[in-house]
Structure formats: structure tokens, C-alpha cells
């Protein structure tokens, strides 16, 4: 089963929802694809595209975005590579 096949069941709220998203984000297996080639390299554009992919795949976007924005541009790209299959 890939990440795209797993969805958080309805009825999860608050802490339960965050915990479920954390488990999904940390599970082994293929990462969701984030297409950056040929796109605008602006940090805010990258964050916007990553946000859409993360939310579509029930990842903990709050955690990813905080980590991505805790450093410079290189750190942002390293974080994207950590959580996504960047192409």
C-alpha cells in the first residue's frame, strides 16, 4: 500500500487527527511526488506546491512547514527532499 492509498478515516479530530497524520507521514514507503523542475524557484511558490501535495496525502503540513522555514533557502530544499520525492 502506498501513501496515496492511505487516508485518515473520518471522525478523527484534534489530537487524534494530528497523531494519525504523524503516523502517515513517518511510515516507510514511497514519498509523494513534488514536481519542482520547470517551476518557479521562489521559496513561497515551493511552499505552496508542497502544501497542496502534503494536504492531499494527509501529511502533517504544520510540522513540515515549520521545519522548512526554520533555515535558509538550502534548508527549505533539504526539507522538501526529506518529505517528498522531488522531481
Protein backbone atom coordinates (compact mmCIF):
# COMPACT_ATOMS: atom_id res chain seq x y z
CA UNK A 1 0.00 0.00 0.00
CA UNK A 2 1.42 3.40 -0.97
CA UNK A 3 0.98 6.73 0.79
CA UNK A 4 -1.58 7.84 -1.76
CA UNK A 5 -3.80 4.84 -0.93
CA UNK A 6 -3.89 5.55 2.80
CA UNK A 7 -6.32 8.19 4.05
CA UNK A 8 -7.18 9.25 7.58
CA UNK A 9 -10.62 7.84 8.38
CA UNK A 10 -13.44 10.28 9.02
CA UNK A 11 -14.15 11.09 12.63
CA UNK A 12 -10.57 11.90 13.62
CA UNK A 13 -10.36 15.30 15.27
CA UNK A 14 -7.92 17.35 17.30
CA UNK A 15 -5.04 15.38 18.79
CA UNK A 16 -6.22 12.13 17.19
CA UNK A 17 -6.09 13.70 13.73
CA UNK A 18 -2.60 15.13 14.32
CA UNK A 19 -1.39 11.76 15.61
CA UNK A 20 -2.85 9.94 12.59
CA UNK A 21 -1.21 12.41 10.20
CA UNK A 22 2.10 11.99 12.04
CA UNK A 23 1.95 8.22 11.67
CA UNK A 24 1.13 8.51 7.97
CA UNK A 25 3.97 10.99 7.36
CA UNK A 26 6.53 8.86 9.20
CA UNK A 27 5.63 5.49 7.73
CA UNK A 28 8.14 3.86 5.42
CA UNK A 29 7.45 3.60 1.75
CA UNK A 30 7.36 5.84 -1.27
CA UNK A 31 7.13 9.56 -0.71
CA UNK A 32 4.54 11.72 -2.51
CA UNK A 33 5.91 13.35 -5.65
CA UNK A 34 6.62 17.08 -5.62
CA UNK A 35 7.36 18.41 -9.12
CA UNK A 36 9.76 21.35 -8.93
CA UNK A 37 11.55 21.06 -12.30
CA UNK A 38 10.42 23.79 -14.65
CA UNK A 39 8.55 25.64 -11.88
CA UNK A 40 9.26 29.00 -10.25
CA UNK A 41 12.03 28.51 -7.66
CA UNK A 42 10.69 31.16 -5.29
CA UNK A 43 10.53 29.80 -1.72
CA UNK A 44 6.88 30.79 -1.31
CA UNK A 45 5.91 29.04 -4.56
CA UNK A 46 7.70 25.88 -3.41
CA UNK A 47 5.93 26.04 -0.04
CA UNK A 48 2.58 26.48 -1.76
CA UNK A 49 3.08 23.48 -4.06
CA UNK A 50 4.38 21.36 -1.17
CA UNK A 51 1.40 22.38 0.96
CA UNK A 52 -1.07 21.13 -1.65
CA UNK A 53 0.77 17.80 -2.06
CA UNK A 54 1.13 17.33 1.72
CA UNK A 55 -2.53 18.02 2.44
CA UNK A 56 -3.63 15.77 -0.43
CA UNK A 57 -1.55 12.96 1.11
CA UNK A 58 -2.65 13.61 4.71
CA UNK A 59 0.81 14.65 5.84
CA UNK A 60 1.43 16.90 8.85
CA UNK A 61 1.92 20.15 6.94
CA UNK A 62 2.38 22.21 10.11
CA UNK A 63 5.42 20.13 11.06
CA UNK A 64 6.87 20.16 7.54
CA UNK A 65 6.39 23.91 7.06
CA UNK A 66 7.89 24.79 10.44
CA UNK A 67 10.94 22.67 9.66
CA UNK A 68 11.22 24.09 6.14
CA UNK A 69 11.05 27.69 7.32
CA UNK A 70 13.50 27.27 10.20
CA UNK A 71 16.51 27.98 7.99
CA UNK A 72 17.52 29.45 4.67
CA UNK A 73 16.67 28.51 1.11
CA UNK A 74 19.01 25.48 1.12
CA UNK A 75 17.34 24.19 4.28
CA UNK A 76 13.95 24.61 2.61
CA UNK A 77 15.07 22.45 -0.31
CA UNK A 78 16.60 19.84 2.02
CA UNK A 79 13.31 19.62 3.91
CA UNK A 80 11.37 19.14 0.66
CA UNK A 81 13.71 16.30 -0.29
CA UNK A 82 13.28 14.75 3.16
CA UNK A 83 9.49 14.53 2.92
CA UNK A 84 8.81 14.37 -0.84
CA UNK A 85 10.11 12.65 -3.92
CA UNK A 86 11.28 15.84 -5.63
CA UNK A 87 11.36 15.65 -9.42
